[in-house]
């Protein structure tokens, strides 16, 4: 456990702050070296290396959220003190968290991204009704490096539960990581527009998403959805609104948001990529979601299922559904989807064999991400090549070469070329003839 690796500061000495700050640096250094248990993954498909230890963290706020038996969720403490955190108390402590011992959650706050670790500790207190619940979290201008601080936040939430009101280590952490918004032309309370936020994947910018995840996160994603992963793939490529629902814990569902975003990655510079990860959302986000054209998010609140105008597909654990007639035509597994799923599993099996026989360096996450980047590159490049040809005729042979079914995937393909504005003519097979 993280709290066993990192001793807590309890002594009230004159240089407590400076000692804390040095401890924070040591914790951070140790976290960077703990790749065996916490692995950074590139799910952008860009192939660029992991960020160096010297890369800026972009931390703009550190906060503690507590559950009060009279007031409910509340921000107990934050730095800077004037940070506007309205709504964060319900993001950092997700609906239904009281049923868990611990959890974590990724979320968005305006144009900032957050990570918080929650813990529920039994106490002998009538005022607290036998349970003390808190979350410790951070806000950043980017989600790409939040994973680095998971262990620290887990340690600190235990610290806040055991020794309430002691914020020295959190202050030291903030002082060590702050100072980025001013460099970007903003302030803590004057956030940038979405177009200028470096972590917002708009236009042709493909950011890297790196996460701390349990071993086999991507394998679990594939096994969990099976061949239906290619239904999610199609809606991700169409840049639709994808909402995952699951009862708590929500942390593992945030990983599904990451994996779903990964499905749409490609290296075609001329095509935009605007699938926004919102991570955990609640009813307070409804107004924002009404303006979004494309996103991937997750929630523990079942009420969203009835808000059909807020999403294109609703993923209730393993069930993928939609209320849109047009989307229902796409929400069918084709023969080509089954072929792609078999190919993906074959590549995973080959990787396992290589790992055992040759001790290969490539990890399973790279197998997963590379599979979809290559698939998407082939699909889009074929469409662009055909659109540049003289007759612009997209034949069944072209469609099969893209890994699609000429008949079963026709509704998806028609939506895809329209969405990206690719000018091709879909040729119709003679129904009397075999495919």
Protein backbone atom coordinates (compact mmCIF):
# COMPACT_ATOMS: atom_id res chain seq x y z
CA UNK A 1 0.00 0.00 0.00
CA UNK A 2 1.19 3.52 -0.76
CA UNK A 3 0.77 4.67 2.83
CA UNK A 4 3.23 2.04 4.04
CA UNK A 5 5.92 3.25 1.64
CA UNK A 6 5.70 6.92 2.60
CA UNK A 7 5.98 7.95 6.25
CA UNK A 8 3.65 10.70 7.40
CA UNK A 9 4.94 13.89 8.97
CA UNK A 10 3.54 14.42 12.43
CA UNK A 11 6.18 16.47 14.24
CA UNK A 12 5.55 20.18 14.68
CA UNK A 13 9.03 21.60 14.13
CA UNK A 14 10.06 25.03 12.86
CA UNK A 15 11.27 23.74 9.50
CA UNK A 16 8.32 21.37 8.98
CA UNK A 17 7.37 23.02 5.70
CA UNK A 18 10.85 22.62 4.17
CA UNK A 19 11.12 19.02 5.37
CA UNK A 20 7.71 18.34 3.83
CA UNK A 21 8.73 19.84 0.53
CA UNK A 22 11.81 17.62 0.36
CA UNK A 23 9.68 14.59 1.19
CA UNK A 24 7.30 15.47 -1.62
CA UNK A 25 10.24 15.54 -4.03
CA UNK A 26 11.39 12.15 -2.76
CA UNK A 27 7.90 10.69 -3.14
CA UNK A 28 7.69 12.05 -6.68
CA UNK A 29 11.11 10.63 -7.54
CA UNK A 30 10.14 7.22 -6.16
CA UNK A 31 6.86 7.27 -8.10
CA UNK A 32 8.74 7.85 -11.35
CA UNK A 33 10.85 4.79 -10.66
CA UNK A 34 7.96 2.46 -9.81
CA UNK A 35 7.18 1.44 -13.40
CA UNK A 36 6.82 -2.20 -12.40
CA UNK A 37 3.53 -1.52 -10.66
CA UNK A 38 2.39 1.73 -12.27
CA UNK A 39 2.83 1.95 -16.04
CA UNK A 40 2.45 4.96 -18.34
CA UNK A 41 0.63 4.25 -21.57
CA UNK A 42 0.57 6.21 -24.79
CA UNK A 43 -2.92 5.94 -26.21
CA UNK A 44 -2.60 8.74 -28.71
CA UNK A 45 -1.10 6.61 -31.40
CA UNK A 46 1.50 9.29 -32.01
CA UNK A 47 4.36 7.04 -31.02
CA UNK A 48 6.19 9.76 -29.15
CA UNK A 49 8.11 8.85 -26.00
CA UNK A 50 6.96 9.21 -22.43
CA UNK A 51 7.44 12.61 -20.83
CA UNK A 52 10.65 13.15 -18.97
CA UNK A 53 10.83 13.60 -15.23
CA UNK A 54 11.57 17.29 -15.80
CA UNK A 55 8.36 18.00 -17.74
CA UNK A 56 6.11 20.56 -16.10
CA UNK A 57 3.21 19.14 -14.11
CA UNK A 58 0.77 22.01 -14.67
CA UNK A 59 -0.75 21.59 -11.17
CA UNK A 60 -2.93 24.64 -10.47
CA UNK A 61 -4.81 23.51 -7.37
CA UNK A 62 -4.72 20.97 -4.54
CA UNK A 63 -7.85 20.34 -2.51
CA UNK A 64 -9.47 18.22 0.18
CA UNK A 65 -13.15 17.27 -0.03
CA UNK A 66 -14.99 15.89 3.00
CA UNK A 67 -18.43 14.50 3.70
CA UNK A 68 -20.20 16.35 6.49
CA UNK A 69 -23.24 14.66 8.04
CA UNK A 70 -25.10 17.98 8.14
CA UNK A 71 -23.86 19.76 5.00
CA UNK A 72 -23.04 16.83 2.71
CA UNK A 73 -20.05 17.02 0.37
CA UNK A 74 -17.93 20.12 0.92
CA UNK A 75 -14.52 21.51 0.00
CA UNK A 76 -12.71 21.40 3.33
CA UNK A 77 -9.47 23.03 2.18
CA UNK A 78 -7.73 24.15 -1.00
CA UNK A 79 -4.69 25.98 -2.26
CA UNK A 80 -4.75 28.59 -3.67
CA UNK A 81 -7.46 29.70 -1.28
CA UNK A 82 -9.32 31.79 -3.87
CA UNK A 83 -9.62 28.94 -6.38
CA UNK A 84 -13.17 28.61 -7.74
CA UNK A 85 -14.11 24.98 -7.02
CA UNK A 86 -17.87 25.00 -7.30
CA UNK A 87 -19.01 21.45 -8.09
CA UNK A 88 -15.66 19.79 -7.44
CA UNK A 89 -16.99 18.40 -4.16
CA UNK A 90 -19.37 16.20 -6.17
CA UNK A 91 -16.74 15.21 -8.75
CA UNK A 92 -14.01 14.25 -6.31
CA UNK A 93 -16.49 12.21 -4.24
CA UNK A 94 -18.67 10.53 -6.85
CA UNK A 95 -22.30 9.62 -6.27
CA UNK A 96 -22.43 6.28 -4.49
CA UNK A 97 -18.89 6.47 -3.09
CA UNK A 98 -20.21 6.01 0.46
CA UNK A 99 -20.71 2.31 -0.35
CA UNK A 100 -16.96 1.83 -0.96
CA UNK A 101 -13.83 1.70 1.13
CA UNK A 102 -11.75 3.53 -1.48
CA UNK A 103 -11.83 4.66 -5.08
CA UNK A 104 -10.30 7.20 -7.47
CA UNK A 105 -11.79 9.39 -10.17
CA UNK A 106 -10.72 11.45 -13.18
CA UNK A 107 -12.91 14.45 -14.06
CA UNK A 108 -13.09 17.85 -15.75
CA UNK A 109 -13.66 21.20 -14.12
CA UNK A 110 -14.25 23.88 -16.74
CA UNK A 111 -11.09 23.66 -18.87
CA UNK A 112 -9.07 21.90 -16.17
CA UNK A 113 -8.66 18.20 -15.49
CA UNK A 114 -8.70 16.57 -12.09
CA UNK A 115 -7.69 13.39 -10.31
CA UNK A 116 -8.90 12.61 -6.78
CA UNK A 117 -8.47 9.65 -4.46
CA UNK A 118 -11.30 8.79 -2.07
CA UNK A 119 -11.28 6.73 1.13
CA UNK A 120 -13.93 5.82 3.68
CA UNK A 121 -12.59 5.07 7.18
CA UNK A 122 -14.72 3.67 10.04
CA UNK A 123 -14.56 5.82 13.19
CA UNK A 124 -16.12 5.64 16.63
CA UNK A 125 -17.97 8.93 16.38
CA UNK A 126 -21.67 9.61 16.66
CA UNK A 127 -21.25 13.00 14.99
CA UNK A 128 -19.67 11.37 11.93
CA UNK A 129 -22.15 8.47 12.10
CA UNK A 130 -19.40 5.89 12.26
CA UNK A 131 -17.63 6.83 9.04
CA UNK A 132 -15.17 9.52 7.96
CA UNK A 133 -15.05 10.09 4.19
CA UNK A 134 -12.61 12.31 2.33
CA UNK A 135 -11.04 12.82 -1.08
CA UNK A 136 -7.73 14.49 -1.84
CA UNK A 137 -7.30 15.75 -5.37
CA UNK A 138 -5.47 17.98 -7.82
CA UNK A 139 -6.43 20.11 -10.82
CA UNK A 140 -4.21 20.53 -13.83
CA UNK A 141 -4.26 22.17 -17.24
CA UNK A 142 -3.54 18.75 -18.72
CA UNK A 143 -4.60 15.18 -17.97
CA UNK A 144 -1.43 13.71 -19.46
CA UNK A 145 0.61 13.67 -16.25
CA UNK A 146 -2.04 13.23 -13.58
CA UNK A 147 -1.13 9.56 -13.25
CA UNK A 148 2.19 10.53 -11.70
CA UNK A 149 0.49 11.66 -8.50
CA UNK A 150 -1.87 8.75 -7.83
CA UNK A 151 0.29 7.21 -5.11
CA UNK A 152 0.83 10.57 -3.42
CA UNK A 153 -2.92 11.29 -3.36
CA UNK A 154 -3.68 7.83 -1.96
CA UNK A 155 -1.18 8.47 0.81
CA UNK A 156 -2.54 11.93 1.54
CA UNK A 157 -6.20 10.92 1.78
CA UNK A 158 -5.23 8.36 4.44
CA UNK A 159 -3.24 11.11 6.17
CA UNK A 160 -6.28 13.43 6.15
CA UNK A 161 -8.49 10.71 7.61
CA UNK A 162 -6.06 9.82 10.39
CA UNK A 163 -4.83 13.36 11.17
CA UNK A 164 -7.55 15.80 10.03
CA UNK A 165 -6.57 19.41 9.45
CA UNK A 166 -2.87 18.84 8.75
CA UNK A 167 -2.18 20.25 5.30
CA UNK A 168 1.60 20.84 5.44
CA UNK A 169 2.50 18.14 2.93
CA UNK A 170 -0.22 19.25 0.53
CA UNK A 171 1.02 22.86 0.71
CA UNK A 172 4.58 21.69 0.05
CA UNK A 173 3.40 19.60 -2.88
CA UNK A 174 1.58 22.57 -4.41
CA UNK A 175 4.54 24.90 -3.98
CA UNK A 176 6.74 22.31 -5.70
CA UNK A 177 4.42 21.84 -8.68
CA UNK A 178 2.65 25.20 -9.17
CA UNK A 179 3.34 28.13 -11.45
CA UNK A 180 2.05 27.17 -14.87
CA UNK A 181 -1.13 29.15 -15.58
CA UNK A 182 0.70 32.47 -15.55
CA UNK A 183 3.10 31.13 -18.16
CA UNK A 184 0.13 30.26 -20.38
CA UNK A 185 -1.43 33.70 -20.11
CA UNK A 186 -4.11 32.92 -17.55
CA UNK A 187 -4.73 32.79 -13.84
CA UNK A 188 -6.24 30.31 -11.45
CA UNK A 189 -9.64 31.86 -11.89
CA UNK A 190 -9.31 32.91 -15.53
CA UNK A 191 -9.15 29.63 -17.40
CA UNK A 192 -8.28 29.43 -21.06
CA UNK A 193 -10.74 28.88 -23.82
CA UNK A 194 -11.11 25.28 -24.99
CA UNK A 195 -9.26 26.09 -28.21
CA UNK A 196 -6.18 27.21 -26.30
CA UNK A 197 -6.12 24.57 -23.59
CA UNK A 198 -3.12 22.30 -24.33
CA UNK A 199 -4.89 19.23 -22.96
CA UNK A 200 -7.97 19.65 -25.16
CA UNK A 201 -7.69 17.40 -28.23
CA UNK A 202 -9.08 19.84 -30.81
CA UNK A 203 -8.24 20.39 -34.45
CA UNK A 204 -5.45 18.14 -35.65
CA UNK A 205 -3.76 18.02 -32.24
CA UNK A 206 -3.34 14.51 -30.93
CA UNK A 207 -2.35 14.59 -27.29
CA UNK A 208 -0.87 11.74 -25.35
CA UNK A 209 -2.92 10.27 -22.55
CA UNK A 210 -0.88 8.50 -19.96
CA UNK A 211 -2.53 6.77 -17.07
CA UNK A 212 -1.71 4.74 -14.01
CA UNK A 213 -3.67 1.55 -14.38
CA UNK A 214 -3.97 -1.91 -12.90
CA UNK A 215 -2.03 -4.58 -14.74
CA UNK A 216 -3.96 -5.80 -17.76
CA UNK A 217 -6.26 -2.75 -18.01
CA UNK A 218 -6.49 -2.95 -21.79
CA UNK A 219 -6.86 -6.73 -21.69
CA UNK A 220 -9.79 -6.30 -19.32
CA UNK A 221 -11.32 -3.71 -21.65
CA UNK A 222 -11.13 -6.16 -24.57
CA UNK A 223 -12.41 -9.11 -22.56
CA UNK A 224 -15.17 -7.04 -20.96
CA UNK A 225 -16.70 -5.92 -24.26
CA UNK A 226 -15.57 -8.76 -26.50
CA UNK A 227 -16.40 -8.25 -30.17
CA UNK A 228 -18.62 -5.30 -29.17
CA UNK A 229 -15.43 -3.29 -28.76
CA UNK A 230 -15.78 -2.65 -32.50
CA UNK A 231 -19.16 -1.03 -31.99
CA UNK A 232 -17.44 1.43 -29.65
CA UNK A 233 -14.70 1.80 -32.25
CA UNK A 234 -17.18 2.86 -34.92
CA UNK A 235 -18.83 5.49 -32.73
CA UNK A 236 -15.42 6.76 -31.60
CA UNK A 237 -14.37 7.19 -35.24
CA UNK A 238 -17.65 9.01 -35.91
CA UNK A 239 -16.78 11.32 -33.00
CA UNK A 240 -20.09 10.75 -31.28
CA UNK A 241 -21.18 11.24 -27.67
CA UNK A 242 -20.35 8.08 -25.73
CA UNK A 243 -21.53 7.69 -22.13
CA UNK A 244 -20.50 4.78 -19.90
CA UNK A 245 -22.70 3.94 -16.92
CA UNK A 246 -21.70 1.73 -14.02
CA UNK A 247 -22.40 1.59 -10.30
CA UNK A 248 -19.39 2.50 -8.13
CA UNK A 249 -16.43 2.08 -8.14
CA UNK A 250 -15.96 4.64 -10.91
CA UNK A 251 -12.15 4.50 -11.20
CA UNK A 252 -12.12 1.45 -13.45
CA UNK A 253 -14.82 3.07 -15.63
CA UNK A 254 -12.58 6.13 -16.07
CA UNK A 255 -10.08 3.69 -17.60
CA UNK A 256 -12.77 2.66 -20.08
CA UNK A 257 -13.03 6.29 -21.10
CA UNK A 258 -9.29 6.28 -21.79
CA UNK A 259 -9.49 3.03 -23.76
CA UNK A 260 -12.47 4.25 -25.79
CA UNK A 261 -10.61 7.44 -26.73
CA UNK A 262 -7.72 5.25 -27.82
CA UNK A 263 -9.92 3.44 -30.35
CA UNK A 264 -10.12 6.49 -32.64
CA UNK A 265 -6.43 7.40 -32.83
CA UNK A 266 -4.71 7.65 -36.19
CA UNK A 267 -1.81 9.41 -37.91
CA UNK A 268 -3.69 11.10 -40.75
CA UNK A 269 -2.83 14.78 -40.22
CA UNK A 270 -5.49 16.15 -42.56
CA UNK A 271 -8.38 14.68 -40.54
CA UNK A 272 -9.50 16.33 -37.33
CA UNK A 273 -9.63 14.52 -34.00
CA UNK A 274 -12.05 16.07 -31.53
CA UNK A 275 -13.15 13.27 -29.21
CA UNK A 276 -13.03 14.91 -25.77
CA UNK A 277 -12.59 12.84 -22.61
CA UNK A 278 -14.87 14.27 -19.92
CA UNK A 279 -14.29 11.35 -17.54
CA UNK A 280 -16.70 11.34 -14.57
CA UNK A 281 -19.83 13.46 -14.96
CA UNK A 282 -22.93 14.07 -12.83
CA UNK A 283 -26.23 15.92 -13.17
CA UNK A 284 -24.48 19.26 -12.69
CA UNK A 285 -22.83 18.71 -16.10
CA UNK A 286 -26.08 18.45 -18.05
CA UNK A 287 -25.97 22.04 -19.28
CA UNK A 288 -22.40 21.59 -20.55
CA UNK A 289 -23.17 18.28 -22.23
CA UNK A 290 -26.08 19.87 -24.10
CA UNK A 291 -23.53 21.93 -26.05
CA UNK A 292 -21.09 19.09 -26.79
CA UNK A 293 -21.03 17.42 -30.20
CA UNK A 294 -18.50 14.73 -29.28
CA UNK A 295 -17.23 13.37 -25.97
CA UNK A 296 -16.52 10.24 -23.95
CA UNK A 297 -17.62 10.23 -20.32
CA UNK A 298 -18.72 7.98 -17.47
CA UNK A 299 -21.20 8.28 -14.64
CA UNK A 300 -22.65 6.43 -11.68
CA UNK A 301 -25.98 8.25 -11.97
CA UNK A 302 -28.69 6.15 -13.62
CA UNK A 303 -30.84 9.20 -14.37
CA UNK A 304 -28.68 9.88 -17.44
CA UNK A 305 -30.18 6.88 -19.21
CA UNK A 306 -33.44 8.82 -19.63
CA UNK A 307 -31.61 11.92 -20.94
CA UNK A 308 -31.38 10.53 -24.46
CA UNK A 309 -30.65 13.92 -26.05
CA UNK A 310 -27.35 14.09 -24.15
CA UNK A 311 -25.69 11.06 -25.74
CA UNK A 312 -25.54 9.01 -28.92
CA UNK A 313 -24.76 5.68 -27.31
CA UNK A 314 -25.26 4.63 -23.70
CA UNK A 315 -23.04 1.83 -22.41
CA UNK A 316 -24.61 0.13 -19.39
CA UNK A 317 -21.77 -2.11 -18.26
CA UNK A 318 -21.50 -4.46 -21.28
CA UNK A 319 -24.73 -3.44 -23.02
CA UNK A 320 -24.27 -0.85 -25.79
CA UNK A 321 -27.51 0.85 -26.79
CA UNK A 322 -28.94 3.91 -28.50
CA UNK A 323 -32.31 5.59 -29.00
CA UNK A 324 -31.35 7.02 -32.41
CA UNK A 325 -32.81 5.10 -35.39
CA UNK A 326 -29.79 6.04 -37.54
CA UNK A 327 -27.37 4.82 -34.88
CA UNK A 328 -29.22 1.53 -34.46
CA UNK A 329 -28.20 0.55 -38.00
CA UNK A 330 -24.56 0.99 -36.98
CA UNK A 331 -25.04 -0.79 -33.66
CA UNK A 332 -24.81 -4.24 -35.22
CA UNK A 333 -21.79 -6.54 -35.19
CA UNK A 334 -20.72 -7.32 -38.76
CA UNK A 335 -18.76 -10.29 -40.09
CA UNK A 336 -15.79 -7.97 -40.55
CA UNK A 337 -16.00 -6.99 -36.86
CA UNK A 338 -15.70 -10.65 -35.91
CA UNK A 339 -12.70 -11.00 -38.21
CA UNK A 340 -11.01 -7.95 -36.67
CA UNK A 341 -11.68 -9.26 -33.17
CA UNK A 342 -10.14 -12.61 -34.05
CA UNK A 343 -7.11 -10.82 -35.53
CA UNK A 344 -6.72 -8.69 -32.39
CA UNK A 345 -6.83 -11.78 -30.18
CA UNK A 346 -4.35 -13.56 -32.43
CA UNK A 347 -1.94 -10.64 -32.08
CA UNK A 348 -2.35 -10.71 -28.31
CA UNK A 349 -1.67 -14.46 -28.26
CA UNK A 350 1.41 -13.98 -30.45
CA UNK A 351 2.58 -11.27 -28.06
CA UNK A 352 2.19 -13.60 -25.07
CA UNK A 353 4.24 -16.24 -26.88
CA UNK A 354 6.96 -13.72 -27.79
CA UNK A 355 7.05 -12.49 -24.22
CA UNK A 356 7.60 -16.00 -22.87
CA UNK A 357 10.02 -17.11 -25.58
CA UNK A 358 12.04 -14.00 -26.41
CA UNK A 359 11.38 -11.56 -23.57
CA UNK A 360 10.21 -8.86 -26.03
CA UNK A 361 10.14 -5.23 -24.84
CA UNK A 362 6.76 -4.31 -26.35
CA UNK A 363 3.92 -4.39 -23.81
CA UNK A 364 0.35 -5.47 -24.38
CA UNK A 365 -0.91 -1.90 -24.37
CA UNK A 366 1.25 -1.17 -27.43
CA UNK A 367 -0.26 -4.20 -29.18
CA UNK A 368 -3.71 -2.77 -28.49
CA UNK A 369 -3.00 0.82 -29.48
CA UNK A 370 -0.94 -0.10 -32.54
CA UNK A 371 -3.70 -2.39 -33.78
CA UNK A 372 -6.26 0.41 -33.86
CA UNK A 373 -3.87 3.08 -35.17
CA UNK A 374 -2.92 0.80 -38.07
CA UNK A 375 -6.56 -0.12 -38.69
CA UNK A 376 -7.65 3.52 -38.69
CA UNK A 377 -4.71 4.63 -40.86
CA UNK A 378 -5.55 1.98 -43.44
CA UNK A 379 -9.25 2.90 -43.41
CA UNK A 380 -8.77 6.66 -43.78
CA UNK A 381 -5.87 6.42 -46.24
CA UNK A 382 -7.93 4.17 -48.51
CA UNK A 383 -10.83 6.62 -48.43
CA UNK A 384 -8.55 9.57 -49.17
CA UNK A 385 -6.82 7.72 -52.02
CA UNK A 386 -10.16 6.81 -53.59
CA UNK A 387 -11.44 10.38 -53.20
CA UNK A 388 -8.34 11.60 -55.08
CA UNK A 389 -8.86 9.14 -57.93
CA UNK A 390 -10.53 10.05 -61.19
CA UNK A 391 -13.78 8.08 -60.71
CA UNK A 392 -13.86 8.24 -56.87
CA UNK A 393 -15.58 4.84 -56.84
CA UNK A 394 -15.36 2.97 -53.54
CA UNK A 395 -15.81 -0.68 -54.39
CA UNK A 396 -16.46 -3.75 -52.25
CA UNK A 397 -12.81 -4.64 -52.69
CA UNK A 398 -11.78 -1.30 -51.21
CA UNK A 399 -14.22 -1.73 -48.33
CA UNK A 400 -12.90 -5.21 -47.48
CA UNK A 401 -9.31 -3.95 -47.63
CA UNK A 402 -10.28 -1.39 -44.96
CA UNK A 403 -11.45 -4.17 -42.65
CA UNK A 404 -15.16 -3.46 -43.20
CA UNK A 405 -18.11 -5.49 -44.45
CA UNK A 406 -19.46 -4.13 -47.78
CA UNK A 407 -23.04 -4.84 -46.69
CA UNK A 408 -23.11 -4.96 -42.89
CA UNK A 409 -20.91 -1.86 -42.47
CA UNK A 410 -22.48 0.23 -45.24
CA UNK A 411 -24.51 2.47 -42.85
CA UNK A 412 -21.37 3.14 -40.81
CA UNK A 413 -19.31 3.89 -43.89
CA UNK A 414 -21.89 6.31 -45.26
CA UNK A 415 -21.93 8.19 -41.94
CA UNK A 416 -18.12 8.19 -41.82
CA UNK A 417 -17.48 9.73 -45.25
CA UNK A 418 -20.20 12.32 -44.64
CA UNK A 419 -18.82 13.24 -41.21
CA UNK A 420 -15.26 13.76 -42.49
CA UNK A 421 -16.36 15.29 -45.80
CA UNK A 422 -14.58 12.64 -47.89
CA UNK A 423 -15.93 12.72 -51.45
CA UNK A 424 -16.34 9.12 -52.66
CA UNK A 425 -19.04 7.21 -54.52
CA UNK A 426 -20.13 4.02 -52.76
CA UNK A 427 -20.72 1.34 -55.37
CA UNK A 428 -23.72 -0.93 -54.76
CA UNK A 429 -23.19 -4.67 -55.08
CA UNK A 430 -25.72 -6.66 -57.07
CA UNK A 431 -27.83 -8.34 -54.34
CA UNK A 432 -28.28 -11.35 -56.61
CA UNK A 433 -24.60 -12.04 -56.56
CA UNK A 434 -22.55 -13.31 -53.61
CA UNK A 435 -20.36 -10.81 -51.83
